[in-house]
């Protein structure tokens, strides 16, 4: 459910970003969106520390290069290209073009990072993407020029890289990953805007951008990291492909645009694809190599170990632990414990 919720949270902000970019240049707007996310997630982190939630694995010094790349590629390059593209396309077209993020992410995840999609999941992913593509191909119902299409496609490629980098940090605290990424991207964008002499908008417009950023970039990123942990980057991308459809539907009341009759057919395709993804089962004999790491877990078949630390009795909990070699067969997803060759 985190994968779907992440896509919905991002999708509803696409037409809102289209409205905002009419009043704010892409770079300062991107900085406001990510600053809003960083501020909101910072407040959530403070609230969590005052509660009694389970401890997540903290970010490590070795994670800094990955996080820095996510800040630049996913937090600055991606949103700026998207907003530039949105100045050249309609709200419906801009939202629908975001479906390119899913196939780009899958291609990178499967080809370079060892993710796996079974036949049913692959067919489901293709149905979801086909539904979004059907909407995008509706003649006379959307408008876009070459610059806009190229810019949004570039944004999707940047976010595909970002998604696969996020998979490397999937076992870390999702709130910490999202908070540092958004705060870093927002700060970097603000400094770049000031350096380039770009103007920031009025307090009313800025406040709206901060709120949109908290929902569409802050909460969405936290949910996406949680989903990547459980599903792998490729399958999460397929679930996230609901975002273009949500954004296109939202453009109707928010921007006064229209959707033609193909929207219903696309909805059927996407719904069928999501059902296939939900029902995907993948099981075979596989071997886990010895591994030492730290993440939130319960004592399932992969986590049979003795505790030598106080405060680790309740579950779920996080602490450094060692996985011994293990060979077995069971239904599984390409999560952090199941990235193996097939």
Protein backbone atom coordinates (compact mmCIF):
# COMPACT_ATOMS: atom_id res chain seq x y z
CA UNK A 1 0.00 0.00 0.00
CA UNK A 2 2.93 2.38 0.56
CA UNK A 3 3.77 2.20 -3.16
CA UNK A 4 0.25 3.20 -4.20
CA UNK A 5 0.01 5.90 -1.54
CA UNK A 6 3.34 7.35 -2.68
CA UNK A 7 2.13 7.55 -6.28
CA UNK A 8 -1.17 9.15 -5.28
CA UNK A 9 0.55 11.75 -3.08
CA UNK A 10 2.88 12.72 -5.92
CA UNK A 11 0.20 12.52 -8.61
CA UNK A 12 -2.17 14.99 -6.97
CA UNK A 13 0.62 17.59 -6.83
CA UNK A 14 1.40 17.53 -10.57
CA UNK A 15 -1.46 19.86 -11.62
CA UNK A 16 -0.77 22.04 -8.56
CA UNK A 17 2.87 22.38 -9.64
CA UNK A 18 1.63 23.29 -13.13
CA UNK A 19 -0.39 26.14 -11.63
CA UNK A 20 2.49 27.33 -9.44
CA UNK A 21 5.06 27.38 -12.25
CA UNK A 22 3.01 30.11 -13.93
CA UNK A 23 3.98 32.43 -11.03
CA UNK A 24 7.44 31.13 -10.04
CA UNK A 25 10.51 30.22 -12.09
CA UNK A 26 11.38 26.50 -12.05
CA UNK A 27 14.52 26.67 -9.87
CA UNK A 28 13.07 28.71 -6.95
CA UNK A 29 9.82 26.75 -7.16
CA UNK A 30 11.70 23.46 -6.94
CA UNK A 31 13.59 24.79 -3.92
CA UNK A 32 10.32 25.79 -2.20
CA UNK A 33 8.74 22.40 -2.89
CA UNK A 34 11.67 20.57 -1.33
CA UNK A 35 12.07 23.03 1.54
CA UNK A 36 8.41 22.44 2.37
CA UNK A 37 9.07 18.72 2.38
CA UNK A 38 12.19 19.09 4.52
CA UNK A 39 10.49 21.34 7.07
CA UNK A 40 7.43 19.11 7.35
CA UNK A 41 9.47 15.93 7.70
CA UNK A 42 11.68 17.64 10.27
CA UNK A 43 8.60 18.35 12.38
CA UNK A 44 7.49 14.73 11.99
CA UNK A 45 10.94 13.57 13.14
CA UNK A 46 10.66 15.73 16.27
CA UNK A 47 7.19 14.35 16.97
CA UNK A 48 8.43 10.79 16.51
CA UNK A 49 11.30 11.28 18.95
CA UNK A 50 8.79 12.31 21.62
CA UNK A 51 6.77 9.13 21.03
CA UNK A 52 7.47 5.45 21.47
CA UNK A 53 7.94 4.16 17.96
CA UNK A 54 10.30 1.37 16.94
CA UNK A 55 13.86 2.49 16.25
CA UNK A 56 14.87 2.47 12.59
CA UNK A 57 18.44 1.97 11.38
CA UNK A 58 20.29 5.29 11.29
CA UNK A 59 22.10 6.69 8.26
CA UNK A 60 25.85 5.97 8.22
CA UNK A 61 28.83 7.97 6.98
CA UNK A 62 29.14 5.51 4.09
CA UNK A 63 25.66 6.55 2.92
CA UNK A 64 26.67 10.18 2.29
CA UNK A 65 27.78 9.78 -1.36
CA UNK A 66 24.51 8.02 -2.26
CA UNK A 67 22.46 10.63 -0.42
CA UNK A 68 24.40 13.47 -2.06
CA UNK A 69 23.72 11.98 -5.50
CA UNK A 70 20.02 11.68 -4.64
CA UNK A 71 19.94 15.34 -3.59
CA UNK A 72 21.47 16.56 -6.85
CA UNK A 73 19.87 14.15 -9.34
CA UNK A 74 16.49 13.52 -7.73
CA UNK A 75 16.08 16.69 -5.68
CA UNK A 76 17.34 19.34 -8.10
CA UNK A 77 17.81 18.09 -11.67
CA UNK A 78 14.56 16.07 -11.76
CA UNK A 79 12.13 18.68 -10.40
CA UNK A 80 13.68 21.57 -12.32
CA UNK A 81 13.39 19.66 -15.60
CA UNK A 82 9.80 18.70 -14.76
CA UNK A 83 8.85 22.31 -14.03
CA UNK A 84 10.57 23.54 -17.20
CA UNK A 85 8.62 20.93 -19.12
CA UNK A 86 5.37 21.98 -17.47
CA UNK A 87 5.77 25.47 -18.98
CA UNK A 88 5.58 23.88 -22.46
CA UNK A 89 2.78 21.31 -22.00
CA UNK A 90 -0.76 21.21 -20.70
CA UNK A 91 -1.46 19.96 -17.19
CA UNK A 92 -2.93 16.71 -18.48
CA UNK A 93 -0.01 16.11 -20.83
CA UNK A 94 2.55 16.94 -18.12
CA UNK A 95 0.99 14.54 -15.65
CA UNK A 96 0.70 11.75 -18.20
CA UNK A 97 4.27 12.11 -19.43
CA UNK A 98 5.42 11.25 -15.92
CA UNK A 99 4.56 7.62 -16.71
CA UNK A 100 8.01 7.44 -18.33
CA UNK A 101 9.53 7.22 -14.85
CA UNK A 102 8.26 3.67 -14.42
CA UNK A 103 9.89 2.04 -17.48
CA UNK A 104 13.11 4.01 -16.94
CA UNK A 105 13.28 2.83 -13.33
CA UNK A 106 12.54 -0.77 -14.28
CA UNK A 107 15.16 -0.78 -17.01
CA UNK A 108 17.84 0.47 -14.64
CA UNK A 109 16.71 -1.75 -11.76
CA UNK A 110 16.68 -4.97 -13.76
CA UNK A 111 19.68 -4.26 -16.00
CA UNK A 112 22.05 -2.69 -13.49
CA UNK A 113 20.92 -3.38 -9.95
CA UNK A 114 19.83 -7.03 -9.92
CA UNK A 115 16.08 -6.56 -9.45
CA UNK A 116 13.73 -9.17 -10.90
CA UNK A 117 10.22 -9.09 -12.38
CA UNK A 118 8.38 -12.36 -12.91
CA UNK A 119 6.10 -12.89 -15.94
CA UNK A 120 2.91 -11.89 -14.12
CA UNK A 121 4.51 -8.82 -12.52
CA UNK A 122 6.05 -7.81 -15.85
CA UNK A 123 2.68 -8.11 -17.59
CA UNK A 124 1.04 -6.12 -14.79
CA UNK A 125 3.69 -3.41 -15.04
CA UNK A 126 3.24 -3.23 -18.81
CA UNK A 127 -0.53 -2.87 -18.39
CA UNK A 128 -0.08 0.00 -15.96
CA UNK A 129 2.35 1.74 -18.30
CA UNK A 130 0.13 1.01 -21.32
CA UNK A 131 -2.80 2.66 -19.56
CA UNK A 132 -0.82 5.84 -18.99
CA UNK A 133 0.56 5.68 -22.54
CA UNK A 134 -2.96 5.33 -23.94
CA UNK A 135 -3.93 8.56 -22.25
CA UNK A 136 -0.78 10.29 -23.46
CA UNK A 137 -1.48 9.24 -27.04
CA UNK A 138 -5.01 10.65 -27.13
CA UNK A 139 -4.99 13.03 -30.11
CA UNK A 140 -6.68 16.33 -29.52
CA UNK A 141 -7.04 15.72 -25.80
CA UNK A 142 -3.59 16.83 -24.64
CA UNK A 143 -1.04 19.32 -25.95
CA UNK A 144 2.74 19.23 -25.73
CA UNK A 145 5.72 20.45 -27.73
CA UNK A 146 9.11 18.83 -28.23
CA UNK A 147 10.89 20.89 -25.58
CA UNK A 148 8.27 20.06 -22.98
CA UNK A 149 8.28 16.35 -23.77
CA UNK A 150 12.10 16.19 -23.68
CA UNK A 151 12.27 18.09 -20.38
CA UNK A 152 9.70 15.89 -18.62
CA UNK A 153 11.35 12.77 -20.06
CA UNK A 154 14.67 14.00 -18.69
CA UNK A 155 13.07 14.50 -15.29
CA UNK A 156 11.75 10.93 -15.37
CA UNK A 157 15.21 9.61 -16.22
CA UNK A 158 16.70 11.59 -13.32
CA UNK A 159 14.09 10.19 -10.94
CA UNK A 160 14.71 6.67 -12.27
CA UNK A 161 18.35 7.03 -11.21
CA UNK A 162 17.16 8.49 -7.90
CA UNK A 163 14.78 5.56 -7.30
CA UNK A 164 17.54 3.04 -7.77
CA UNK A 165 19.86 4.99 -5.50
CA UNK A 166 17.10 5.05 -2.89
CA UNK A 167 17.00 1.25 -3.06
CA UNK A 168 20.60 1.26 -1.75
CA UNK A 169 19.31 3.06 1.35
CA UNK A 170 16.06 1.13 1.70
CA UNK A 171 17.09 -0.45 5.01
CA UNK A 172 17.82 2.93 6.58
CA UNK A 173 15.24 5.05 8.38
CA UNK A 174 12.88 6.20 5.55
CA UNK A 175 12.04 9.43 7.38
CA UNK A 176 15.73 10.28 7.81
CA UNK A 177 16.50 9.50 4.15
CA UNK A 178 13.62 11.65 2.92
CA UNK A 179 14.32 14.46 5.41
CA UNK A 180 17.98 14.84 4.50
CA UNK A 181 17.27 14.54 0.78
CA UNK A 182 14.52 17.14 0.74
CA UNK A 183 16.23 19.58 3.09
CA UNK A 184 19.47 19.29 1.12
CA UNK A 185 17.74 19.72 -2.24
CA UNK A 186 15.67 22.66 -1.00
CA UNK A 187 18.72 24.42 0.43
CA UNK A 188 20.80 23.79 -2.70
CA UNK A 189 18.00 25.08 -4.94
CA UNK A 190 17.53 28.19 -2.78
CA UNK A 191 21.24 28.99 -2.90
CA UNK A 192 21.28 28.49 -6.66
CA UNK A 193 18.24 30.76 -7.05
CA UNK A 194 19.86 33.52 -5.01
CA UNK A 195 23.14 33.13 -6.90
CA UNK A 196 21.35 33.45 -10.23
CA UNK A 197 19.38 36.49 -9.06
CA UNK A 198 16.00 34.74 -9.39
CA UNK A 199 12.99 36.17 -7.58
CA UNK A 200 10.99 34.29 -4.97
CA UNK A 201 7.19 34.63 -4.98
CA UNK A 202 4.84 36.29 -2.51
CA UNK A 203 4.27 34.72 0.92
CA UNK A 204 0.91 33.34 -0.21
CA UNK A 205 2.35 31.55 -3.24
CA UNK A 206 5.42 30.43 -1.29
CA UNK A 207 3.24 29.01 1.48
CA UNK A 208 1.22 27.05 -1.06
CA UNK A 209 4.41 25.67 -2.61
CA UNK A 210 5.74 24.62 0.81
CA UNK A 211 2.51 22.74 1.57
CA UNK A 212 2.41 21.08 -1.85
CA UNK A 213 6.04 20.05 -1.40
CA UNK A 214 5.38 18.48 1.99
CA UNK A 215 2.66 16.21 0.57
CA UNK A 216 3.94 15.52 -2.95
CA UNK A 217 7.64 15.27 -2.20
CA UNK A 218 8.02 14.77 1.56
CA UNK A 219 5.36 12.21 2.42
CA UNK A 220 5.60 10.65 -1.04
CA UNK A 221 9.36 10.02 -0.69
CA UNK A 222 8.97 8.46 2.77
CA UNK A 223 6.31 6.10 1.45
CA UNK A 224 8.37 5.33 -1.66
CA UNK A 225 11.45 4.36 0.39
CA UNK A 226 9.27 2.10 2.55
CA UNK A 227 7.85 0.49 -0.60
CA UNK A 228 11.27 -0.01 -2.20
CA UNK A 229 12.39 -1.78 0.98
CA UNK A 230 9.60 -4.32 0.64
CA UNK A 231 9.14 -4.53 -3.14
CA UNK A 232 12.39 -3.56 -4.86
CA UNK A 233 12.82 -0.56 -7.14
CA UNK A 234 11.37 -2.17 -10.29
CA UNK A 235 8.08 -3.30 -8.74
CA UNK A 236 7.71 -0.08 -6.75
CA UNK A 237 8.03 1.83 -10.04
CA UNK A 238 5.08 -0.10 -11.43
CA UNK A 239 2.93 0.75 -8.41
CA UNK A 240 4.07 4.38 -8.59
CA UNK A 241 2.82 4.49 -12.21
CA UNK A 242 -0.61 5.27 -10.79
CA UNK A 243 0.70 8.84 -10.28
CA UNK A 244 0.28 10.03 -13.91
CA UNK A 245 -3.34 8.92 -13.97
CA UNK A 246 -4.08 10.62 -10.64
CA UNK A 247 -2.39 13.80 -11.87
CA UNK A 248 -4.30 13.77 -15.15
CA UNK A 249 -7.64 13.36 -13.38
CA UNK A 250 -6.69 16.12 -10.93
CA UNK A 251 -5.94 18.49 -13.82
CA UNK A 252 -9.62 18.48 -14.79
CA UNK A 253 -11.00 20.38 -11.76
CA UNK A 254 -7.77 22.18 -10.82
CA UNK A 255 -6.83 23.47 -14.28
CA UNK A 256 -10.15 23.35 -16.10
CA UNK A 257 -8.84 20.86 -18.65
CA UNK A 258 -10.66 17.86 -20.08
CA UNK A 259 -10.06 14.12 -20.41
CA UNK A 260 -11.48 12.24 -23.37
CA UNK A 261 -13.19 8.84 -23.44
CA UNK A 262 -9.85 7.00 -23.49
CA UNK A 263 -9.45 7.79 -19.78
CA UNK A 264 -11.88 5.02 -18.84
CA UNK A 265 -10.08 2.46 -20.99
CA UNK A 266 -6.76 3.53 -19.48
CA UNK A 267 -8.20 3.21 -15.98
CA UNK A 268 -9.28 -0.35 -16.73
CA UNK A 269 -5.81 -1.24 -18.04
CA UNK A 270 -4.07 0.27 -15.05
CA UNK A 271 -6.42 -1.34 -12.55
CA UNK A 272 -5.90 -4.73 -14.18
CA UNK A 273 -2.15 -4.26 -14.07
CA UNK A 274 -2.20 -3.34 -10.39
CA UNK A 275 -4.26 -6.44 -9.57
CA UNK A 276 -1.66 -8.59 -11.38
CA UNK A 277 1.12 -6.93 -9.39
CA UNK A 278 -0.69 -7.51 -6.13
CA UNK A 279 -1.19 -11.19 -6.96
CA UNK A 280 2.38 -11.82 -8.10
CA UNK A 281 3.97 -14.86 -6.46
CA UNK A 282 7.61 -15.74 -6.92
CA UNK A 283 9.22 -18.75 -5.21
CA UNK A 284 12.29 -20.87 -5.90
CA UNK A 285 15.31 -22.31 -4.12
CA UNK A 286 17.78 -19.52 -3.40
CA UNK A 287 20.85 -18.98 -1.23
CA UNK A 288 21.52 -16.10 1.13
CA UNK A 289 25.19 -15.32 1.55
CA UNK A 290 26.55 -14.31 4.95
CA UNK A 291 25.65 -10.66 5.59
CA UNK A 292 26.03 -8.17 8.44
CA UNK A 293 23.86 -5.05 8.50
CA UNK A 294 21.41 -2.97 10.54
CA UNK A 295 17.71 -2.43 9.83
CA UNK A 296 14.21 -2.66 11.27
CA UNK A 297 13.15 -6.32 11.42
CA UNK A 298 11.16 -9.04 13.17
CA UNK A 299 12.38 -12.53 13.93
CA UNK A 300 11.25 -14.28 10.77
CA UNK A 301 13.06 -17.06 8.92
CA UNK A 302 15.77 -14.64 7.85
CA UNK A 303 16.40 -13.16 11.30
CA UNK A 304 17.14 -15.95 13.75
CA UNK A 305 19.80 -14.50 16.03
CA UNK A 306 20.61 -13.97 19.69
CA UNK A 307 20.54 -10.48 21.15
CA UNK A 308 23.44 -9.15 23.16
CA UNK A 309 22.02 -5.62 23.47
CA UNK A 310 19.52 -4.25 25.95
CA UNK A 311 16.22 -2.95 24.65
CA UNK A 312 15.94 -5.31 21.69
CA UNK A 313 13.28 -7.61 23.09
CA UNK A 314 10.18 -6.05 21.52
CA UNK A 315 9.55 -6.31 17.79
CA UNK A 316 9.99 -4.80 15.32
CA UNK A 317 13.38 -3.43 16.29
CA UNK A 318 16.67 -2.44 14.67
CA UNK A 319 20.24 -3.26 15.65
CA UNK A 320 23.39 -4.55 13.94
CA UNK A 321 22.99 -8.26 13.26
CA UNK A 322 24.54 -11.02 11.17
CA UNK A 323 22.79 -13.31 8.68
CA UNK A 324 24.42 -16.69 8.33
CA UNK A 325 24.39 -18.55 5.00
CA UNK A 326 20.93 -19.94 4.30
CA UNK A 327 19.45 -21.94 1.43
CA UNK A 328 15.68 -22.37 1.24
CA UNK A 329 12.60 -21.81 -0.93
CA UNK A 330 9.62 -19.56 -0.19
CA UNK A 331 7.53 -16.85 -1.88
CA UNK A 332 9.54 -13.61 -1.91
CA UNK A 333 9.93 -10.19 -3.52
CA UNK A 334 13.14 -8.51 -4.71
CA UNK A 335 13.60 -6.72 -1.39
CA UNK A 336 16.92 -5.99 0.28
CA UNK A 337 17.31 -9.65 1.32
CA UNK A 338 16.41 -11.14 -2.05
CA UNK A 339 18.49 -9.45 -4.73
CA UNK A 340 19.90 -12.55 -6.37
CA UNK A 341 20.41 -13.96 -9.82
CA UNK A 342 17.66 -16.01 -11.47
